[in-house]
Amino acid sequence: MNTKSLGYIVSLQVGLPRVIEVNDTRSFSGQTWTTGFFKLPITNPVWLGTLNLDGDAQADLENHGGLDKAVNVYPIEHYAYWTKTLPLKDLPSGAFGENFTTDGLSESEVCIGDTFEVGDSLVQVSQPRQPCWKLARRWGVKDLAIQFQETGRTGWYFRVLREGFVKAKDKLVLLDRPYPQWTIATANLIMHHHKKDIDAARELANCPTLSSRWRVKLSRRSTEIGMEENNSVRLYGPTAEPT
């Protein structure tokens, strides 16, 4: 296919895990918690490796990060919706914990397996983001993770095929789209809304560029019919945390 610039990085954010204490104004729950959610924008070129951008890391390595989730991407187009919908104004860059805030890309057009050249690097779309309770806790909106999931305004992840330097304002140039049928929006519908459609789950699970974790989850639906995944911990958080 011919290369095509579909969008660009509006801002690029990184951040290391930190402990948010009970007396911190960001600890809305009144509990201490550890998170890599708080990221700050950087304008200089930064190295994008197979696992992370330099200066970035995740607190919960069981559910975040890894080869399939090296870069968290979120469209700036959604910011207006959340500003209007939520009691939140003047959301800063990286407000939703994303590394790349992008312009010109959306869940309805970005597809699993899309390969982009960005800066010196080569990245590939691996899966939609599955929002977790830390998103809700960060902004003090109890059901925010559910709202992200239900509206489909989730963003997505990149895996890194070629390491290199990237920076804000870099274009995202589409080099390959092997699975145009599997948009992020479609994948979200199958995972979160069409849970009884075993055939669709099986077909999506067979997409070789889908993240291994999603392939396993979707494959289980065809072998564990009637067994529905319990997402309460992901969406609402642990029942108790150390204080």
C-alpha atoms as a PDB file:
ATOM      1  CA  MET A   1       0.000   0.000   0.000  1.00  0.00           C
ATOM      2  CA  ASN A   2       1.068   3.589  -0.455  1.00  0.00           C
ATOM      3  CA  THR A   3       2.333   5.301   2.670  1.00  0.00           C
ATOM      4  CA  LYS A   4      -0.045   7.824   4.147  1.00  0.00           C
ATOM      5  CA  SER A   5       0.237  10.300   7.007  1.00  0.00           C
ATOM      6  CA  LEU A   6      -2.898   9.816   9.103  1.00  0.00           C
ATOM      7  CA  GLY A   7      -2.087  12.000  12.077  1.00  0.00           C
ATOM      8  CA  TYR A   8       0.602  13.272  14.377  1.00  0.00           C
ATOM      9  CA  ILE A   9       1.666  13.370  18.016  1.00  0.00           C
ATOM     10  CA  VAL A  10       0.189  16.483  19.622  1.00  0.00           C
ATOM     11  CA  SER A  11       2.093  15.874  22.851  1.00  0.00           C
ATOM     12  CA  LEU A  12       4.286  13.138  24.277  1.00  0.00           C
ATOM     13  CA  GLN A  13       4.272  12.245  27.983  1.00  0.00           C
ATOM     14  CA  VAL A  14       6.375  10.042  30.260  1.00  0.00           C
ATOM     15  CA  GLY A  15       6.353   9.337  33.969  1.00  0.00           C
ATOM     16  CA  LEU A  16       7.688   6.906  36.558  1.00  0.00           C
ATOM     17  CA  PRO A  17       5.603   5.147  39.215  1.00  0.00           C
ATOM     18  CA  ARG A  18       4.993   7.085  42.388  1.00  0.00           C
ATOM     19  CA  VAL A  19       3.195   6.528  45.653  1.00  0.00           C
ATOM     20  CA  ILE A  20       0.194   8.790  46.152  1.00  0.00           C
ATOM     21  CA  GLU A  21      -0.233   9.284  49.877  1.00  0.00           C
ATOM     22  CA  VAL A  22      -3.522   9.713  51.716  1.00  0.00           C
ATOM     23  CA  ASN A  23      -2.816  13.394  52.358  1.00  0.00           C
ATOM     24  CA  ASP A  24      -1.980  14.047  48.702  1.00  0.00           C
ATOM     25  CA  THR A  25      -4.701  16.044  46.917  1.00  0.00           C
ATOM     26  CA  ARG A  26      -4.597  13.434  44.140  1.00  0.00           C
ATOM     27  CA  SER A  27      -5.569  10.619  46.512  1.00  0.00           C
ATOM     28  CA  PHE A  28      -9.286  11.105  45.996  1.00  0.00           C
ATOM     29  CA  SER A  29     -10.132   7.792  47.608  1.00  0.00           C
ATOM     30  CA  GLY A  30      -8.461   8.630  50.891  1.00  0.00           C
ATOM     31  CA  GLN A  31      -6.160   5.649  50.364  1.00  0.00           C
ATOM     32  CA  THR A  32      -2.501   5.347  49.483  1.00  0.00           C
ATOM     33  CA  TRP A  33      -1.914   3.929  46.006  1.00  0.00           C
ATOM     34  CA  THR A  34       0.977   3.400  43.607  1.00  0.00           C
ATOM     35  CA  THR A  35       0.680   4.385  39.965  1.00  0.00           C
ATOM     36  CA  GLY A  36       2.564   5.356  36.826  1.00  0.00           C
ATOM     37  CA  PHE A  37      -0.479   7.306  35.663  1.00  0.00           C
ATOM     38  CA  PHE A  38       0.945  10.782  36.251  1.00  0.00           C
ATOM     39  CA  LYS A  39       2.932  11.691  33.160  1.00  0.00           C
ATOM     40  CA  LEU A  40       4.463  14.979  32.097  1.00  0.00           C
ATOM     41  CA  PRO A  41       4.908  16.291  28.541  1.00  0.00           C
ATOM     42  CA  ILE A  42       8.377  16.449  27.015  1.00  0.00           C
ATOM     43  CA  THR A  43       9.329  18.246  23.831  1.00  0.00           C
ATOM     44  CA  ASN A  44      12.831  16.920  23.195  1.00  0.00           C
ATOM     45  CA  PRO A  45      13.373  13.697  21.240  1.00  0.00           C
ATOM     46  CA  VAL A  46      13.120  10.623  23.479  1.00  0.00           C
ATOM     47  CA  TRP A  47      14.209   7.040  22.846  1.00  0.00           C
ATOM     48  CA  LEU A  48      11.410   4.564  22.232  1.00  0.00           C
ATOM     49  CA  GLY A  49      12.503   1.056  23.158  1.00  0.00           C
ATOM     50  CA  THR A  50      10.664  -2.237  22.879  1.00  0.00           C
ATOM     51  CA  LEU A  51       9.171  -1.896  26.365  1.00  0.00           C
ATOM     52  CA  ASN A  52       8.967   1.813  27.100  1.00  0.00           C
ATOM     53  CA  LEU A  53       9.849   5.340  26.267  1.00  0.00           C
ATOM     54  CA  ASP A  54      12.892   6.486  28.218  1.00  0.00           C
ATOM     55  CA  GLY A  55      11.697   7.926  31.510  1.00  0.00           C
ATOM     56  CA  ASP A  56       8.438   5.975  31.475  1.00  0.00           C
ATOM     57  CA  ALA A  57       7.369   2.910  33.464  1.00  0.00           C
ATOM     58  CA  GLN A  58       4.334   1.158  34.921  1.00  0.00           C
ATOM     59  CA  ALA A  59       3.583   0.316  38.535  1.00  0.00           C
ATOM     60  CA  ASP A  60       1.510  -2.821  37.867  1.00  0.00           C
ATOM     61  CA  LEU A  61       3.572  -4.935  35.476  1.00  0.00           C
ATOM     62  CA  GLU A  62       1.064  -7.791  35.597  1.00  0.00           C
ATOM     63  CA  ASN A  63      -1.620  -5.738  33.868  1.00  0.00           C
ATOM     64  CA  HIS A  64       0.295  -2.896  32.220  1.00  0.00           C
ATOM     65  CA  GLY A  65       3.341  -2.550  30.020  1.00  0.00           C
ATOM     66  CA  GLY A  66       5.153  -5.337  28.218  1.00  0.00           C
ATOM     67  CA  LEU A  67       5.986  -5.907  24.566  1.00  0.00           C
ATOM     68  CA  ASP A  68       2.370  -5.538  23.402  1.00  0.00           C
ATOM     69  CA  LYS A  69       1.735  -2.369  25.423  1.00  0.00           C
ATOM     70  CA  ALA A  70       4.876  -0.294  25.054  1.00  0.00           C
ATOM     71  CA  VAL A  71       3.032   2.920  24.127  1.00  0.00           C
ATOM     72  CA  ASN A  72      -0.364   4.083  25.367  1.00  0.00           C
ATOM     73  CA  VAL A  73      -2.115   6.204  22.713  1.00  0.00           C
ATOM     74  CA  TYR A  74      -5.146   8.480  23.131  1.00  0.00           C
ATOM     75  CA  PRO A  75      -6.864  10.779  20.601  1.00  0.00           C
ATOM     76  CA  ILE A  76      -7.031  14.442  21.510  1.00  0.00           C
ATOM     77  CA  GLU A  77     -10.422  14.528  19.784  1.00  0.00           C
ATOM     78  CA  HIS A  78     -11.945  12.852  22.874  1.00  0.00           C
ATOM     79  CA  TYR A  79     -10.835  15.592  25.243  1.00  0.00           C
ATOM     80  CA  ALA A  80     -13.737  17.879  24.275  1.00  0.00           C
ATOM     81  CA  TYR A  81     -16.233  15.093  24.995  1.00  0.00           C
ATOM     82  CA  TRP A  82     -14.822  14.406  28.457  1.00  0.00           C
ATOM     83  CA  THR A  83     -14.597  18.091  29.316  1.00  0.00           C
ATOM     84  CA  LYS A  84     -18.277  18.447  28.447  1.00  0.00           C
ATOM     85  CA  THR A  85     -19.390  15.191  30.093  1.00  0.00           C
ATOM     86  CA  LEU A  86     -17.365  15.170  33.298  1.00  0.00           C
ATOM     87  CA  PRO A  87     -16.914  17.743  36.074  1.00  0.00           C
ATOM     88  CA  LEU A  88     -13.391  18.280  34.751  1.00  0.00           C
ATOM     89  CA  LYS A  89     -12.173  21.410  33.010  1.00  0.00           C
ATOM     90  CA  ASP A  90      -8.903  22.348  31.349  1.00  0.00           C
ATOM     91  CA  LEU A  91      -7.604  18.793  31.150  1.00  0.00           C
ATOM     92  CA  PRO A  92      -3.794  18.837  30.796  1.00  0.00           C
ATOM     93  CA  SER A  93      -1.798  16.937  28.194  1.00  0.00           C
ATOM     94  CA  GLY A  94      -1.637  13.272  29.140  1.00  0.00           C
ATOM     95  CA  ALA A  95      -4.657  13.636  31.391  1.00  0.00           C
ATOM     96  CA  PHE A  96      -5.646  10.025  30.807  1.00  0.00           C
ATOM     97  CA  GLY A  97      -2.217   8.543  31.395  1.00  0.00           C
ATOM     98  CA  GLU A  98      -1.325   8.238  27.716  1.00  0.00           C
ATOM     99  CA  ASN A  99       2.167   8.482  26.248  1.00  0.00           C
ATOM    100  CA  PHE A 100       1.080   9.768  22.838  1.00  0.00           C
ATOM    101  CA  THR A 101      -1.768  12.245  22.582  1.00  0.00           C
ATOM    102  CA  THR A 102      -2.602  12.132  18.878  1.00  0.00           C
ATOM    103  CA  ASP A 103      -4.556  14.162  16.345  1.00  0.00           C
ATOM    104  CA  GLY A 104      -6.138  12.657  13.251  1.00  0.00           C
ATOM    105  CA  LEU A 105      -6.620   9.065  14.434  1.00  0.00           C
ATOM    106  CA  SER A 106      -9.662   7.414  15.975  1.00  0.00           C
ATOM    107  CA  GLU A 107     -10.861   4.016  17.143  1.00  0.00           C
ATOM    108  CA  SER A 108     -13.185   3.750  14.141  1.00  0.00           C
ATOM    109  CA  GLU A 109     -10.346   3.866  11.620  1.00  0.00           C
ATOM    110  CA  VAL A 110      -7.235   2.550  13.345  1.00  0.00           C
ATOM    111  CA  CYS A 111      -6.922  -1.225  12.921  1.00  0.00           C
ATOM    112  CA  ILE A 112      -5.188  -4.057  14.733  1.00  0.00           C
ATOM    113  CA  GLY A 113      -1.885  -4.630  12.947  1.00  0.00           C
ATOM    114  CA  ASP A 114      -1.609  -1.129  11.487  1.00  0.00           C
ATOM    115  CA  THR A 115       2.085  -0.329  11.180  1.00  0.00           C
ATOM    116  CA  PHE A 116       3.207   3.277  11.480  1.00  0.00           C
ATOM    117  CA  GLU A 117       6.513   5.003  11.070  1.00  0.00           C
ATOM    118  CA  VAL A 118       6.867   7.676  13.729  1.00  0.00           C
ATOM    119  CA  GLY A 119      10.125   9.553  14.058  1.00  0.00           C
ATOM    120  CA  ASP A 120      12.900   6.974  13.721  1.00  0.00           C
ATOM    121  CA  SER A 121      10.737   4.166  15.074  1.00  0.00           C
ATOM    122  CA  LEU A 122       8.290   1.641  13.667  1.00  0.00           C
ATOM    123  CA  VAL A 123       5.215   0.816  15.753  1.00  0.00           C
ATOM    124  CA  GLN A 124       2.247  -1.503  15.343  1.00  0.00           C
ATOM    125  CA  VAL A 125      -1.263  -1.392  16.819  1.00  0.00           C
ATOM    126  CA  SER A 126      -1.672  -4.353  19.183  1.00  0.00           C
ATOM    127  CA  GLN A 127      -4.974  -3.924  21.063  1.00  0.00           C
ATOM    128  CA  PRO A 128      -7.476  -1.420  22.454  1.00  0.00           C
ATOM    129  CA  ARG A 129      -6.760  -0.008  25.868  1.00  0.00           C
ATOM    130  CA  GLN A 130      -8.750  -1.642  28.641  1.00  0.00           C
ATOM    131  CA  PRO A 131      -9.262   1.164  31.177  1.00  0.00           C
ATOM    132  CA  CYS A 132      -8.699   0.365  34.834  1.00  0.00           C
ATOM    133  CA  TRP A 133      -9.705   1.754  38.214  1.00  0.00           C
ATOM    134  CA  LYS A 134      -6.660   4.035  38.439  1.00  0.00           C
ATOM    135  CA  LEU A 135      -8.176   6.214  35.726  1.00  0.00           C
ATOM    136  CA  ALA A 136     -11.257   6.705  37.909  1.00  0.00           C
ATOM    137  CA  ARG A 137      -9.212   7.263  41.046  1.00  0.00           C
ATOM    138  CA  ARG A 138      -7.001   9.844  39.348  1.00  0.00           C
ATOM    139  CA  TRP A 139      -9.979  12.063  38.539  1.00  0.00           C
ATOM    140  CA  GLY A 140     -12.294  11.169  41.399  1.00  0.00           C
ATOM    141  CA  VAL A 141     -15.020   9.869  39.079  1.00  0.00           C
ATOM    142  CA  LYS A 142     -16.001   6.423  40.346  1.00  0.00           C
ATOM    143  CA  ASP A 143     -17.296   5.026  37.061  1.00  0.00           C
ATOM    144  CA  LEU A 144     -14.848   6.709  34.691  1.00  0.00           C
ATOM    145  CA  ALA A 145     -13.212   3.442  33.609  1.00  0.00           C
ATOM    146  CA  ILE A 146     -16.654   2.067  32.771  1.00  0.00           C
ATOM    147  CA  GLN A 147     -17.525   5.227  30.833  1.00  0.00           C
ATOM    148  CA  PHE A 148     -14.341   4.856  28.777  1.00  0.00           C
ATOM    149  CA  GLN A 149     -15.195   1.241  28.050  1.00  0.00           C
ATOM    150  CA  GLU A 150     -18.884   1.763  27.295  1.00  0.00           C
ATOM    151  CA  THR A 151     -18.355   4.728  24.964  1.00  0.00           C
ATOM    152  CA  GLY A 152     -15.515   3.053  23.092  1.00  0.00           C
ATOM    153  CA  ARG A 153     -13.295   6.082  23.671  1.00  0.00           C
ATOM    154  CA  THR A 154     -10.523   3.857  24.938  1.00  0.00           C
ATOM    155  CA  GLY A 155      -7.468   4.627  22.848  1.00  0.00           C
ATOM    156  CA  TRP A 156      -5.085   1.779  21.996  1.00  0.00           C
ATOM    157  CA  TYR A 157      -1.563   0.424  22.390  1.00  0.00           C
ATOM    158  CA  PHE A 158       1.467   0.225  20.137  1.00  0.00           C
ATOM    159  CA  ARG A 159       4.102  -2.468  20.189  1.00  0.00           C
ATOM    160  CA  VAL A 160       7.534  -1.413  18.918  1.00  0.00           C
ATOM    161  CA  LEU A 161       8.913  -3.115  15.822  1.00  0.00           C
ATOM    162  CA  ARG A 162      11.898  -0.817  15.435  1.00  0.00           C
ATOM    163  CA  GLU A 163      13.380   1.263  18.215  1.00  0.00           C
ATOM    164  CA  GLY A 164      14.249   4.898  17.640  1.00  0.00           C
ATOM    165  CA  PHE A 165      13.862   8.495  18.712  1.00  0.00           C
ATOM    166  CA  VAL A 166      10.405  10.104  18.694  1.00  0.00           C
ATOM    167  CA  LYS A 167       9.138  13.529  19.690  1.00  0.00           C
ATOM    168  CA  ALA A 168       6.028  15.676  19.863  1.00  0.00           C
ATOM    169  CA  LYS A 169       4.766  16.836  16.439  1.00  0.00           C
ATOM    170  CA  ASP A 170       6.121  13.717  14.685  1.00  0.00           C
ATOM    171  CA  LYS A 171       3.782  12.427  11.981  1.00  0.00           C
ATOM    172  CA  LEU A 172       2.263   8.949  12.133  1.00  0.00           C
ATOM    173  CA  VAL A 173       2.795   7.536   8.655  1.00  0.00           C
ATOM    174  CA  LEU A 174       0.785   4.405   7.869  1.00  0.00           C
ATOM    175  CA  LEU A 175       2.955   1.816   6.102  1.00  0.00           C
ATOM    176  CA  ASP A 176       0.797  -1.303   6.298  1.00  0.00           C
ATOM    177  CA  ARG A 177      -2.790  -2.255   7.122  1.00  0.00           C
ATOM    178  CA  PRO A 178      -3.079  -6.063   6.918  1.00  0.00           C
ATOM    179  CA  TYR A 179      -6.413  -6.363   8.771  1.00  0.00           C
ATOM    180  CA  PRO A 180      -8.724  -3.485   7.812  1.00  0.00           C
ATOM    181  CA  GLN A 181     -11.725  -5.415   9.157  1.00  0.00           C
ATOM    182  CA  TRP A 182     -10.409  -5.299  12.715  1.00  0.00           C
ATOM    183  CA  THR A 183     -10.719  -1.683  13.770  1.00  0.00           C
ATOM    184  CA  ILE A 184     -10.183  -0.769  17.406  1.00  0.00           C
ATOM    185  CA  ALA A 185     -13.897   0.074  17.582  1.00  0.00           C
ATOM    186  CA  THR A 186     -14.855  -3.382  16.307  1.00  0.00           C
ATOM    187  CA  ALA A 187     -12.479  -5.094  18.711  1.00  0.00           C
ATOM    188  CA  ASN A 188     -13.995  -3.119  21.600  1.00  0.00           C
ATOM    189  CA  LEU A 189     -17.506  -4.139  20.579  1.00  0.00           C
ATOM    190  CA  ILE A 190     -16.588  -7.832  20.463  1.00  0.00           C
ATOM    191  CA  MET A 191     -14.718  -7.774  23.775  1.00  0.00           C
ATOM    192  CA  HIS A 192     -17.107  -5.653  25.828  1.00  0.00           C
ATOM    193  CA  HIS A 193     -20.537  -5.627  24.183  1.00  0.00           C
ATOM    194  CA  HIS A 194     -21.043  -8.675  21.941  1.00  0.00           C
ATOM    195  CA  LYS A 195     -19.909 -11.158  24.543  1.00  0.00           C
ATOM    196  CA  LYS A 196     -22.232 -13.913  23.337  1.00  0.00           C
ATOM    197  CA  ASP A 197     -20.943 -13.797  19.757  1.00  0.00           C
ATOM    198  CA  ILE A 198     -18.563 -16.738  19.991  1.00  0.00           C
ATOM    199  CA  ASP A 199     -17.853 -16.780  16.260  1.00  0.00           C
ATOM    200  CA  ALA A 200     -16.750 -13.147  16.247  1.00  0.00           C
ATOM    201  CA  ALA A 201     -14.570 -13.749  19.299  1.00  0.00           C
ATOM    202  CA  ARG A 202     -12.948 -16.738  17.622  1.00  0.00           C
ATOM    203  CA  GLU A 203     -12.301 -14.810  14.413  1.00  0.00           C
ATOM    204  CA  LEU A 204     -10.736 -11.866  16.217  1.00  0.00           C
ATOM    205  CA  ALA A 205      -8.654 -14.215  18.380  1.00  0.00           C
ATOM    206  CA  ASN A 206      -7.153 -15.608  15.170  1.00  0.00           C
ATOM    207  CA  CYS A 207      -5.785 -12.213  14.157  1.00  0.00           C
ATOM    208  CA  PRO A 208      -2.010 -12.793  14.432  1.00  0.00           C
ATOM    209  CA  THR A 209      -1.165  -9.170  15.247  1.00  0.00           C
ATOM    210  CA  LEU A 210      -3.629  -8.949  18.156  1.00  0.00           C
ATOM    211  CA  SER A 211      -1.908  -8.937  21.550  1.00  0.00           C
ATOM    212  CA  SER A 212      -1.386 -12.338  23.123  1.00  0.00           C
ATOM    213  CA  ARG A 213      -3.477 -11.405  26.155  1.00  0.00           C
ATOM    214  CA  TRP A 214      -6.511 -10.486  24.080  1.00  0.00           C
ATOM    215  CA  ARG A 215      -6.140 -13.610  21.946  1.00  0.00           C
ATOM    216  CA  VAL A 216      -6.190 -15.783  25.064  1.00  0.00           C
ATOM    217  CA  LYS A 217      -9.213 -13.982  26.534  1.00  0.00           C
ATOM    218  CA  LEU A 218     -11.219 -14.270  23.338  1.00  0.00           C
ATOM    219  CA  SER A 219     -10.223 -17.889  22.728  1.00  0.00           C
ATOM    220  CA  ARG A 220     -11.518 -18.833  26.169  1.00  0.00           C
ATOM    221  CA  ARG A 221     -15.005 -17.702  25.207  1.00  0.00           C
ATOM    222  CA  SER A 222     -15.360 -20.525  22.712  1.00  0.00           C
ATOM    223  CA  THR A 223     -14.178 -23.155  25.181  1.00  0.00           C
ATOM    224  CA  GLU A 224     -15.767 -21.783  28.341  1.00  0.00           C
ATOM    225  CA  ILE A 225     -19.234 -20.960  27.054  1.00  0.00           C
ATOM    226  CA  GLY A 226     -21.333 -19.370  29.763  1.00  0.00           C
ATOM    227  CA  MET A 227     -18.293 -18.363  31.770  1.00  0.00           C
ATOM    228  CA  GLU A 228     -17.972 -14.575  31.716  1.00  0.00           C
ATOM    229  CA  GLU A 229     -14.777 -12.828  32.685  1.00  0.00           C
ATOM    230  CA  ASN A 230     -14.988 -10.926  35.969  1.00  0.00           C
ATOM    231  CA  ASN A 231     -13.780  -7.370  35.325  1.00  0.00           C
ATOM    232  CA  SER A 232     -14.803  -5.868  38.658  1.00  0.00           C
ATOM    233  CA  VAL A 233     -11.250  -5.610  40.000  1.00  0.00           C
ATOM    234  CA  ARG A 234      -9.983  -3.970  36.816  1.00  0.00           C
ATOM    235  CA  LEU A 235     -12.832  -1.470  36.705  1.00  0.00           C
ATOM    236  CA  TYR A 236     -13.345  -0.744  40.405  1.00  0.00           C
ATOM    237  CA  GLY A 237     -10.011  -1.645  41.960  1.00  0.00           C
ATOM    238  CA  PRO A 238      -9.071  -3.929  44.846  1.00  0.00           C
ATOM    239  CA  THR A 239     -11.547  -4.093  47.700  1.00  0.00           C
ATOM    240  CA  ALA A 240      -8.870  -2.917  50.099  1.00  0.00           C
ATOM    241  CA  GLU A 241      -5.463  -1.318  49.754  1.00  0.00           C
ATOM    242  CA  PRO A 242      -2.775  -0.640  52.302  1.00  0.00           C
ATOM    243  CA  THR A 243      -3.077   2.785  53.909  1.00  0.00           C
END
